[in-house]
Amino acid sequence: DVHVGTQRGKEPDQLVPADAEEAVFDLTADIVAAPDGTTDFRGPWV
C-alpha cells in the first residue's frame, strides 16, 4: 500500500498511490534574503 507525497511540516501531503502513472506535486516556498544577502527559502514545505 505504498504512497508518495510531499512533506508539509511534519505531515505527509498530496499523497499519491505508488502505482499511479505519474505523481504531480505543486508546492511553494517563500524567497527571502538571508542576513548575509544571499537567497534563502522558507515555508511549510521547506
All heavy atoms as atom14 arrays in JSON, in Angstrom:
{
  "sequence": "DVHVGTQRGKEPDQLVPADAEEAVFDLTADIVAAPDGTTDFRGPWV",
  "atom14_mask": [
    [1, 1, 1, 1, 1, 1, 1, 1, 0, 0, 0, 0, 0, 0],
    [1, 1, 1, 1, 1, 1, 1, 0, 0, 0, 0, 0, 0, 0],
    [1, 1, 1, 1, 1, 1, 1, 1, 1, 1, 0, 0, 0, 0],
    [1, 1, 1, 1, 1, 1, 1, 0, 0, 0, 0, 0, 0, 0],
    [1, 1, 1, 1, 0, 0, 0, 0, 0, 0, 0, 0, 0, 0],
    [1, 1, 1, 1, 1, 1, 1, 0, 0, 0, 0, 0, 0, 0],
    [1, 1, 1, 1, 1, 1, 1, 1, 1, 0, 0, 0, 0, 0],
    [1, 1, 1, 1, 1, 1, 1, 1, 1, 1, 1, 0, 0, 0],
    [1, 1, 1, 1, 0, 0, 0, 0, 0, 0, 0, 0, 0, 0],
    [1, 1, 1, 1, 1, 1, 1, 1, 1, 0, 0, 0, 0, 0],
    [1, 1, 1, 1, 1, 1, 1, 1, 1, 0, 0, 0, 0, 0],
    [1, 1, 1, 1, 1, 1, 1, 0, 0, 0, 0, 0, 0, 0],
    [1, 1, 1, 1, 1, 1, 1, 1, 0, 0, 0, 0, 0, 0],
    [1, 1, 1, 1, 1, 1, 1, 1, 1, 0, 0, 0, 0, 0],
    [1, 1, 1, 1, 1, 1, 1, 1, 0, 0, 0, 0, 0, 0],
    [1, 1, 1, 1, 1, 1, 1, 0, 0, 0, 0, 0, 0, 0],
    [1, 1, 1, 1, 1, 1, 1, 0, 0, 0, 0, 0, 0, 0],
    [1, 1, 1, 1, 1, 0, 0, 0, 0, 0, 0, 0, 0, 0],
    [1, 1, 1, 1, 1, 1, 1, 1, 0, 0, 0, 0, 0, 0],
    [1, 1, 1, 1, 1, 0, 0, 0, 0, 0, 0, 0, 0, 0],
    [1, 1, 1, 1, 1, 1, 1, 1, 1, 0, 0, 0, 0, 0],
    [1, 1, 1, 1, 1, 1, 1, 1, 1, 0, 0, 0, 0, 0],
    [1, 1, 1, 1, 1, 0, 0, 0, 0, 0, 0, 0, 0, 0],
    [1, 1, 1, 1, 1, 1, 1, 0, 0, 0, 0, 0, 0, 0],
    [1, 1, 1, 1, 1, 1, 1, 1, 1, 1, 1, 0, 0, 0],
    [1, 1, 1, 1, 1, 1, 1, 1, 0, 0, 0, 0, 0, 0],
    [1, 1, 1, 1, 1, 1, 1, 1, 0, 0, 0, 0, 0, 0],
    [1, 1, 1, 1, 1, 1, 1, 0, 0, 0, 0, 0, 0, 0],
    [1, 1, 1, 1, 1, 0, 0, 0, 0, 0, 0, 0, 0, 0],
    [1, 1, 1, 1, 1, 1, 1, 1, 0, 0, 0, 0, 0, 0],
    [1, 1, 1, 1, 1, 1, 1, 1, 0, 0, 0, 0, 0, 0],
    [1, 1, 1, 1, 1, 1, 1, 0, 0, 0, 0, 0, 0, 0],
    [1, 1, 1, 1, 1, 0, 0, 0, 0, 0, 0, 0, 0, 0],
    [1, 1, 1, 1, 1, 0, 0, 0, 0, 0, 0, 0, 0, 0],
    [1, 1, 1, 1, 1, 1, 1, 0, 0, 0, 0, 0, 0, 0],
    [1, 1, 1, 1, 1, 1, 1, 1, 0, 0, 0, 0, 0, 0],
    [1, 1, 1, 1, 0, 0, 0, 0, 0, 0, 0, 0, 0, 0],
    [1, 1, 1, 1, 1, 1, 1, 0, 0, 0, 0, 0, 0, 0],
    [1, 1, 1, 1, 1, 1, 1, 0, 0, 0, 0, 0, 0, 0],
    [1, 1, 1, 1, 1, 1, 1, 1, 0, 0, 0, 0, 0, 0],
    [1, 1, 1, 1, 1, 1, 1, 1, 1, 1, 1, 0, 0, 0],
    [1, 1, 1, 1, 1, 1, 1, 1, 1, 1, 1, 0, 0, 0],
    [1, 1, 1, 1, 0, 0, 0, 0, 0, 0, 0, 0, 0, 0],
    [1, 1, 1, 1, 1, 1, 1, 0, 0, 0, 0, 0, 0, 0],
    [1, 1, 1, 1, 1, 1, 1, 1, 1, 1, 1, 1, 1, 1],
    [1, 1, 1, 1, 1, 1, 1, 0, 0, 0, 0, 0, 0, 0]
  ],
  "atom14_positions": [
    [[0.83, -1.21, 0.0], [0.0, 0.0, 0.0], [0.87, 1.27, 0.0], [0.61, 2.22, 0.72], [-0.97, 0.02, 1.19], [-1.93, -1.14, 1.16], [-2.5, -1.41, 0.08], [-2.12, -1.79, 2.21], [0.0, 0.0, 0.0], [0.0, 0.0, 0.0], [0.0, 0.0, 0.0], [0.0, 0.0, 0.0], [0.0, 0.0, 0.0], [0.0, 0.0, 0.0]],
    [[1.93, 1.26, -0.82], [2.9, 2.35, -0.85], [2.3, 3.59, -1.52], [1.62, 3.5, -2.55], [4.18, 1.91, -1.57], [5.17, 3.06, -1.71], [4.82, 0.74, -0.83], [0.0, 0.0, 0.0], [0.0, 0.0, 0.0], [0.0, 0.0, 0.0], [0.0, 0.0, 0.0], [0.0, 0.0, 0.0], [0.0, 0.0, 0.0], [0.0, 0.0, 0.0]],
    [[2.56, 4.74, -0.91], [2.16, 6.04, -1.44], [3.36, 6.97, -1.35], [4.26, 6.76, -0.53], [1.01, 6.63, -0.61], [-0.3, 5.97, -0.85], [-0.56, 4.66, -0.5], [-1.43, 6.44, -1.4], [-1.8, 4.36, -0.83], [-2.35, 5.43, -1.38], [0.0, 0.0, 0.0], [0.0, 0.0, 0.0], [0.0, 0.0, 0.0], [0.0, 0.0, 0.0]],
    [[3.36, 8.01, -2.18], [4.4, 9.03, -2.15], [3.7, 10.39, -2.08], [2.62, 10.58, -2.65], [5.35, 8.95, -3.37], [4.6, 9.17, -4.68], [6.52, 9.92, -3.23], [0.0, 0.0, 0.0], [0.0, 0.0, 0.0], [0.0, 0.0, 0.0], [0.0, 0.0, 0.0], [0.0, 0.0, 0.0], [0.0, 0.0, 0.0], [0.0, 0.0, 0.0]],
    [[4.32, 11.31, -1.38], [3.78, 12.66, -1.29], [4.88, 13.62, -0.91], [6.05, 13.25, -0.79], [0.0, 0.0, 0.0], [0.0, 0.0, 0.0], [0.0, 0.0, 0.0], [0.0, 0.0, 0.0], [0.0, 0.0, 0.0], [0.0, 0.0, 0.0], [0.0, 0.0, 0.0], [0.0, 0.0, 0.0], [0.0, 0.0, 0.0], [0.0, 0.0, 0.0]],
    [[4.5, 14.85, -0.73], [5.43, 15.84, -0.2], [5.32, 15.8, 1.32], [4.45, 15.14, 1.87], [5.09, 17.24, -0.73], [3.74, 17.56, -0.38], [5.27, 17.32, -2.23], [0.0, 0.0, 0.0], [0.0, 0.0, 0.0], [0.0, 0.0, 0.0], [0.0, 0.0, 0.0], [0.0, 0.0, 0.0], [0.0, 0.0, 0.0], [0.0, 0.0, 0.0]],
    [[6.22, 16.51, 1.98], [6.12, 16.61, 3.43], [5.94, 18.08, 3.78], [6.79, 18.91, 3.49], [7.36, 16.05, 4.12], [7.2, 16.06, 5.64], [8.31, 15.32, 6.33], [8.77, 14.3, 5.86], [8.73, 15.86, 7.46], [0.0, 0.0, 0.0], [0.0, 0.0, 0.0], [0.0, 0.0, 0.0], [0.0, 0.0, 0.0], [0.0, 0.0, 0.0]],
    [[4.79, 18.38, 4.37], [4.45, 19.75, 4.79], [4.6, 19.81, 6.3], [3.8, 19.2, 7.01], [3.05, 20.1, 4.34], [2.68, 21.51, 4.65], [1.31, 21.86, 4.12], [1.04, 23.25, 4.45], [0.23, 24.02, 3.78], [-0.41, 23.56, 2.73], [0.05, 25.26, 4.16], [0.0, 0.0, 0.0], [0.0, 0.0, 0.0], [0.0, 0.0, 0.0]],
    [[5.62, 20.49, 6.76], [5.93, 20.44, 8.19], [6.35, 19.02, 8.53], [7.24, 18.46, 7.89], [0.0, 0.0, 0.0], [0.0, 0.0, 0.0], [0.0, 0.0, 0.0], [0.0, 0.0, 0.0], [0.0, 0.0, 0.0], [0.0, 0.0, 0.0], [0.0, 0.0, 0.0], [0.0, 0.0, 0.0], [0.0, 0.0, 0.0], [0.0, 0.0, 0.0]],
    [[5.67, 18.41, 9.48], [5.98, 17.03, 9.86], [5.01, 16.03, 9.25], [5.12, 14.83, 9.48], [5.96, 16.89, 11.38], [7.05, 17.68, 12.05], [7.05, 17.49, 13.54], [8.16, 18.29, 14.17], [8.28, 18.04, 15.6], [0.0, 0.0, 0.0], [0.0, 0.0, 0.0], [0.0, 0.0, 0.0], [0.0, 0.0, 0.0], [0.0, 0.0, 0.0]],
    [[4.05, 16.51, 8.46], [2.97, 15.66, 7.95], [3.11, 15.39, 6.46], [3.53, 16.26, 5.69], [1.62, 16.33, 8.2], [1.31, 16.58, 9.67], [1.26, 15.29, 10.48], [0.71, 14.3, 9.99], [1.79, 15.29, 11.62], [0.0, 0.0, 0.0], [0.0, 0.0, 0.0], [0.0, 0.0, 0.0], [0.0, 0.0, 0.0], [0.0, 0.0, 0.0]],
    [[2.69, 14.18, 6.03], [2.63, 13.9, 4.58], [1.54, 14.73, 3.94], [0.53, 15.05, 4.58], [2.33, 12.41, 4.53], [1.6, 12.13, 5.8], [2.18, 13.06, 6.82], [0.0, 0.0, 0.0], [0.0, 0.0, 0.0], [0.0, 0.0, 0.0], [0.0, 0.0, 0.0], [0.0, 0.0, 0.0], [0.0, 0.0, 0.0], [0.0, 0.0, 0.0]],
    [[1.74, 15.09, 2.68], [0.81, 15.95, 1.97], [0.77, 15.5, 0.51], [1.77, 15.01, -0.02], [1.31, 17.4, 2.09], [0.34, 18.42, 1.56], [-0.87, 18.29, 1.78], [0.8, 19.39, 0.91], [0.0, 0.0, 0.0], [0.0, 0.0, 0.0], [0.0, 0.0, 0.0], [0.0, 0.0, 0.0], [0.0, 0.0, 0.0], [0.0, 0.0, 0.0]],
    [[-0.37, 15.65, -0.13], [-0.53, 15.36, -1.56], [-0.2, 13.91, -1.89], [0.46, 13.63, -2.89], [0.35, 16.29, -2.41], [0.16, 17.77, -2.14], [1.01, 18.63, -3.03], [0.79, 18.68, -4.25], [1.99, 19.32, -2.46], [0.0, 0.0, 0.0], [0.0, 0.0, 0.0], [0.0, 0.0, 0.0], [0.0, 0.0, 0.0], [0.0, 0.0, 0.0]],
    [[-0.63, 12.97, -1.07], [-0.28, 11.56, -1.26], [-0.87, 10.98, -2.54], [-2.04, 11.23, -2.88], [-0.72, 10.74, -0.06], [0.03, 11.04, 1.23], [-0.61, 10.3, 2.41], [1.5, 10.67, 1.1], [0.0, 0.0, 0.0], [0.0, 0.0, 0.0], [0.0, 0.0, 0.0], [0.0, 0.0, 0.0], [0.0, 0.0, 0.0], [0.0, 0.0, 0.0]],
    [[-0.05, 10.2, -3.23], [-0.42, 9.55, -4.49], [-0.03, 8.08, -4.38], [1.08, 7.76, -3.94], [0.33, 10.2, -5.68], [0.05, 9.45, -6.97], [-0.03, 11.67, -5.8], [0.0, 0.0, 0.0], [0.0, 0.0, 0.0], [0.0, 0.0, 0.0], [0.0, 0.0, 0.0], [0.0, 0.0, 0.0], [0.0, 0.0, 0.0], [0.0, 0.0, 0.0]],
    [[-0.92, 7.14, -4.78], [-0.54, 5.73, -4.76], [0.67, 5.48, -5.67], [0.78, 6.07, -6.75], [-1.77, 5.01, -5.31], [-2.9, 5.98, -5.17], [-2.29, 7.35, -5.25], [0.0, 0.0, 0.0], [0.0, 0.0, 0.0], [0.0, 0.0, 0.0], [0.0, 0.0, 0.0], [0.0, 0.0, 0.0], [0.0, 0.0, 0.0], [0.0, 0.0, 0.0]],
    [[1.57, 4.63, -5.23], [2.81, 4.39, -5.97], [2.64, 3.52, -7.2], [3.62, 3.17, -7.85], [3.86, 3.78, -5.04], [0.0, 0.0, 0.0], [0.0, 0.0, 0.0], [0.0, 0.0, 0.0], [0.0, 0.0, 0.0], [0.0, 0.0, 0.0], [0.0, 0.0, 0.0], [0.0, 0.0, 0.0], [0.0, 0.0, 0.0], [0.0, 0.0, 0.0]],
    [[1.39, 3.19, -7.56], [1.14, 2.51, -8.82], [0.49, 3.45, -9.84], [0.07, 3.01, -10.91], [0.3, 1.25, -8.61], [-1.07, 1.52, -8.0], [-1.38, 2.69, -7.63], [-1.86, 0.56, -7.87], [0.0, 0.0, 0.0], [0.0, 0.0, 0.0], [0.0, 0.0, 0.0], [0.0, 0.0, 0.0], [0.0, 0.0, 0.0], [0.0, 0.0, 0.0]],
    [[0.46, 4.75, -9.53], [-0.09, 5.74, -10.46], [0.85, 5.9, -11.65], [2.04, 5.63, -11.57], [-0.27, 7.09, -9.75], [0.0, 0.0, 0.0], [0.0, 0.0, 0.0], [0.0, 0.0, 0.0], [0.0, 0.0, 0.0], [0.0, 0.0, 0.0], [0.0, 0.0, 0.0], [0.0, 0.0, 0.0], [0.0, 0.0, 0.0], [0.0, 0.0, 0.0]],
    [[0.29, 6.36, -12.76], [1.11, 6.61, -13.94], [2.13, 7.72, -13.68], [3.26, 7.65, -14.14], [0.22, 6.97, -15.13], [0.97, 7.07, -16.43], [0.05, 7.21, -17.62], [-0.97, 6.52, -17.67], [0.38, 8.03, -18.5], [0.0, 0.0, 0.0], [0.0, 0.0, 0.0], [0.0, 0.0, 0.0], [0.0, 0.0, 0.0], [0.0, 0.0, 0.0]],
    [[1.7, 8.75, -12.96], [2.6, 9.8, -12.55], [2.06, 10.47, -11.29], [0.88, 10.34, -10.96], [2.86, 10.83, -13.65], [1.71, 11.72, -13.99], [2.08, 12.77, -15.05], [3.12, 12.66, -15.74], [1.3, 13.73, -15.18], [0.0, 0.0, 0.0], [0.0, 0.0, 0.0], [0.0, 0.0, 0.0], [0.0, 0.0, 0.0], [0.0, 0.0, 0.0]],
    [[2.93, 11.15, -10.59], [2.56, 11.9, -9.39], [3.02, 13.34, -9.6], [4.19, 13.58, -9.88], [3.25, 11.3, -8.17], [0.0, 0.0, 0.0], [0.0, 0.0, 0.0], [0.0, 0.0, 0.0], [0.0, 0.0, 0.0], [0.0, 0.0, 0.0], [0.0, 0.0, 0.0], [0.0, 0.0, 0.0], [0.0, 0.0, 0.0], [0.0, 0.0, 0.0]],
    [[2.08, 14.28, -9.49], [2.4, 15.68, -9.7], [2.19, 16.42, -8.37], [1.1, 16.36, -7.8], [1.53, 16.31, -10.81], [1.86, 17.79, -10.98], [1.72, 15.56, -12.12], [0.0, 0.0, 0.0], [0.0, 0.0, 0.0], [0.0, 0.0, 0.0], [0.0, 0.0, 0.0], [0.0, 0.0, 0.0], [0.0, 0.0, 0.0], [0.0, 0.0, 0.0]],
    [[3.23, 17.1, -7.93], [3.18, 17.82, -6.67], [3.44, 19.3, -6.92], [4.44, 19.67, -7.54], [4.25, 17.28, -5.7], [4.15, 15.8, -5.49], [5.12, 14.96, -6.0], [3.09, 15.25, -4.79], [5.04, 13.59, -5.8], [3.0, 13.89, -4.6], [3.97, 13.05, -5.11], [0.0, 0.0, 0.0], [0.0, 0.0, 0.0], [0.0, 0.0, 0.0]],
    [[2.53, 20.14, -6.44], [2.68, 21.59, -6.52], [2.87, 22.13, -5.11], [2.08, 21.81, -4.21], [1.45, 22.23, -7.17], [1.35, 21.89, -8.65], [2.35, 22.06, -9.36], [0.27, 21.45, -9.08], [0.0, 0.0, 0.0], [0.0, 0.0, 0.0], [0.0, 0.0, 0.0], [0.0, 0.0, 0.0], [0.0, 0.0, 0.0], [0.0, 0.0, 0.0]],
    [[3.92, 22.9, -4.92], [4.18, 23.48, -3.62], [4.84, 24.84, -3.79], [5.19, 25.23, -4.91], [5.04, 22.56, -2.75], [6.29, 21.98, -3.38], [7.4, 21.94, -2.35], [5.99, 20.55, -3.82], [0.0, 0.0, 0.0], [0.0, 0.0, 0.0], [0.0, 0.0, 0.0], [0.0, 0.0, 0.0], [0.0, 0.0, 0.0], [0.0, 0.0, 0.0]],
    [[4.97, 25.56, -2.71], [5.55, 26.9, -2.76], [6.64, 27.05, -1.7], [6.67, 26.32, -0.71], [4.48, 27.98, -2.53], [3.91, 27.79, -1.24], [3.41, 27.95, -3.61], [0.0, 0.0, 0.0], [0.0, 0.0, 0.0], [0.0, 0.0, 0.0], [0.0, 0.0, 0.0], [0.0, 0.0, 0.0], [0.0, 0.0, 0.0], [0.0, 0.0, 0.0]],
    [[7.49, 28.02, -1.94], [8.5, 28.42, -0.97], [8.6, 29.94, -1.02], [8.55, 30.53, -2.11], [9.85, 27.8, -1.29], [0.0, 0.0, 0.0], [0.0, 0.0, 0.0], [0.0, 0.0, 0.0], [0.0, 0.0, 0.0], [0.0, 0.0, 0.0], [0.0, 0.0, 0.0], [0.0, 0.0, 0.0], [0.0, 0.0, 0.0], [0.0, 0.0, 0.0]],
    [[8.71, 30.56, 0.13], [8.96, 32.0, 0.18], [10.44, 32.23, -0.1], [11.3, 31.53, 0.44], [8.61, 32.56, 1.57], [7.12, 32.44, 1.87], [6.31, 32.62, 0.95], [6.79, 32.16, 3.03], [0.0, 0.0, 0.0], [0.0, 0.0, 0.0], [0.0, 0.0, 0.0], [0.0, 0.0, 0.0], [0.0, 0.0, 0.0], [0.0, 0.0, 0.0]],
    [[10.73, 33.19, -0.95], [12.1, 33.59, -1.25], [12.41, 34.78, -0.35], [11.71, 35.8, -0.42], [12.27, 33.98, -2.72], [11.79, 32.85, -3.65], [13.71, 34.36, -3.02], [11.62, 33.28, -5.1], [0.0, 0.0, 0.0], [0.0, 0.0, 0.0], [0.0, 0.0, 0.0], [0.0, 0.0, 0.0], [0.0, 0.0, 0.0], [0.0, 0.0, 0.0]],
    [[13.42, 34.64, 0.48], [13.78, 35.71, 1.4], [15.29, 35.96, 1.32], [16.04, 35.09, 0.88], [13.38, 35.38, 2.86], [11.86, 35.23, 2.98], [14.06, 34.12, 3.34], [0.0, 0.0, 0.0], [0.0, 0.0, 0.0], [0.0, 0.0, 0.0], [0.0, 0.0, 0.0], [0.0, 0.0, 0.0], [0.0, 0.0, 0.0], [0.0, 0.0, 0.0]],
    [[15.7, 37.13, 1.74], [17.12, 37.45, 1.81], [17.66, 37.01, 3.16], [17.09, 37.34, 4.2], [17.34, 38.94, 1.6], [0.0, 0.0, 0.0], [0.0, 0.0, 0.0], [0.0, 0.0, 0.0], [0.0, 0.0, 0.0], [0.0, 0.0, 0.0], [0.0, 0.0, 0.0], [0.0, 0.0, 0.0], [0.0, 0.0, 0.0], [0.0, 0.0, 0.0]],
    [[18.73, 36.25, 3.15], [19.41, 35.87, 4.38], [20.16, 37.09, 4.91], [20.4, 38.05, 4.17], [20.37, 34.71, 4.1], [0.0, 0.0, 0.0], [0.0, 0.0, 0.0], [0.0, 0.0, 0.0], [0.0, 0.0, 0.0], [0.0, 0.0, 0.0], [0.0, 0.0, 0.0], [0.0, 0.0, 0.0], [0.0, 0.0, 0.0], [0.0, 0.0, 0.0]],
    [[20.56, 37.07, 6.18], [21.29, 38.21, 6.75], [22.55, 38.59, 5.96], [22.92, 39.77, 5.92], [21.65, 37.73, 8.16], [20.59, 36.73, 8.49], [20.27, 36.05, 7.19], [0.0, 0.0, 0.0], [0.0, 0.0, 0.0], [0.0, 0.0, 0.0], [0.0, 0.0, 0.0], [0.0, 0.0, 0.0], [0.0, 0.0, 0.0], [0.0, 0.0, 0.0]],
    [[23.16, 37.61, 5.29], [24.37, 37.92, 4.52], [24.06, 38.35, 3.09], [24.97, 38.52, 2.28], [25.32, 36.73, 4.52], [24.75, 35.5, 3.81], [23.61, 35.55, 3.3], [25.45, 34.46, 3.8], [0.0, 0.0, 0.0], [0.0, 0.0, 0.0], [0.0, 0.0, 0.0], [0.0, 0.0, 0.0], [0.0, 0.0, 0.0], [0.0, 0.0, 0.0]],
    [[22.76, 38.49, 2.76], [22.36, 38.95, 1.43], [22.11, 37.85, 0.43], [21.65, 38.12, -0.68], [0.0, 0.0, 0.0], [0.0, 0.0, 0.0], [0.0, 0.0, 0.0], [0.0, 0.0, 0.0], [0.0, 0.0, 0.0], [0.0, 0.0, 0.0], [0.0, 0.0, 0.0], [0.0, 0.0, 0.0], [0.0, 0.0, 0.0], [0.0, 0.0, 0.0]],
    [[22.43, 36.61, 0.76], [22.17, 35.5, -0.16], [20.68, 35.14, -0.14], [19.94, 35.54, 0.76], [23.01, 34.27, 0.21], [22.67, 33.86, 1.54], [24.5, 34.56, 0.11], [0.0, 0.0, 0.0], [0.0, 0.0, 0.0], [0.0, 0.0, 0.0], [0.0, 0.0, 0.0], [0.0, 0.0, 0.0], [0.0, 0.0, 0.0], [0.0, 0.0, 0.0]],
    [[20.26, 34.37, -1.11], [18.87, 33.93, -1.19], [18.63, 32.78, -0.22], [19.44, 31.86, -0.12], [18.55, 33.47, -2.63], [18.75, 34.58, -3.51], [17.12, 32.98, -2.75], [0.0, 0.0, 0.0], [0.0, 0.0, 0.0], [0.0, 0.0, 0.0], [0.0, 0.0, 0.0], [0.0, 0.0, 0.0], [0.0, 0.0, 0.0], [0.0, 0.0, 0.0]],
    [[17.52, 32.85, 0.47], [17.11, 31.78, 1.38], [15.65, 31.46, 1.09], [14.97, 32.19, 0.36], [17.3, 32.22, 2.84], [17.26, 31.06, 3.82], [17.28, 29.89, 3.38], [17.2, 31.32, 5.03], [0.0, 0.0, 0.0], [0.0, 0.0, 0.0], [0.0, 0.0, 0.0], [0.0, 0.0, 0.0], [0.0, 0.0, 0.0], [0.0, 0.0, 0.0]],
    [[15.19, 30.35, 1.64], [13.82, 29.88, 1.4], [13.16, 29.56, 2.74], [13.8, 29.05, 3.66], [13.85, 28.62, 0.52], [14.54, 28.83, -0.79], [15.89, 28.53, -0.94], [13.86, 29.36, -1.87], [16.54, 28.72, -2.14], [14.5, 29.56, -3.08], [15.84, 29.24, -3.22], [0.0, 0.0, 0.0], [0.0, 0.0, 0.0], [0.0, 0.0, 0.0]],
    [[11.86, 29.81, 2.79], [11.07, 29.49, 3.98], [9.72, 28.96, 3.52], [9.33, 29.16, 2.39], [10.83, 30.74, 4.83], [12.05, 31.38, 5.42], [12.29, 30.88, 6.81], [13.35, 31.41, 7.61], [14.4, 32.1, 7.31], [14.59, 32.51, 6.1], [15.31, 32.44, 8.19], [0.0, 0.0, 0.0], [0.0, 0.0, 0.0], [0.0, 0.0, 0.0]],
    [[9.01, 28.32, 4.43], [7.65, 27.9, 4.13], [7.37, 26.51, 4.67], [8.29, 25.82, 5.15], [0.0, 0.0, 0.0], [0.0, 0.0, 0.0], [0.0, 0.0, 0.0], [0.0, 0.0, 0.0], [0.0, 0.0, 0.0], [0.0, 0.0, 0.0], [0.0, 0.0, 0.0], [0.0, 0.0, 0.0], [0.0, 0.0, 0.0], [0.0, 0.0, 0.0]],
    [[6.12, 26.1, 4.61], [5.72, 24.83, 5.23], [6.33, 23.58, 4.59], [6.42, 22.55, 5.23], [4.19, 24.82, 5.12], [3.88, 25.81, 4.05], [4.98, 26.82, 4.05], [0.0, 0.0, 0.0], [0.0, 0.0, 0.0], [0.0, 0.0, 0.0], [0.0, 0.0, 0.0], [0.0, 0.0, 0.0], [0.0, 0.0, 0.0], [0.0, 0.0, 0.0]],
    [[6.76, 23.67, 3.34], [7.38, 22.51, 2.68], [8.91, 22.54, 2.75], [9.56, 21.61, 2.31], [6.95, 22.42, 1.21], [5.54, 22.0, 1.0], [5.05, 20.72, 1.01], [4.43, 22.84, 0.73], [3.7, 20.73, 0.79], [3.28, 22.04, 0.6], [4.28, 24.23, 0.58], [2.03, 22.54, 0.33], [3.02, 24.73, 0.32], [1.92, 23.89, 0.19]],
    [[9.46, 23.63, 3.27], [10.91, 23.83, 3.27], [11.51, 23.25, 4.55], [11.05, 23.53, 5.65], [11.26, 25.33, 3.14], [12.76, 25.55, 3.2], [10.68, 25.89, 1.84], [0.0, 0.0, 0.0], [0.0, 0.0, 0.0], [0.0, 0.0, 0.0], [0.0, 0.0, 0.0], [0.0, 0.0, 0.0], [0.0, 0.0, 0.0], [0.0, 0.0, 0.0]]
  ]
}
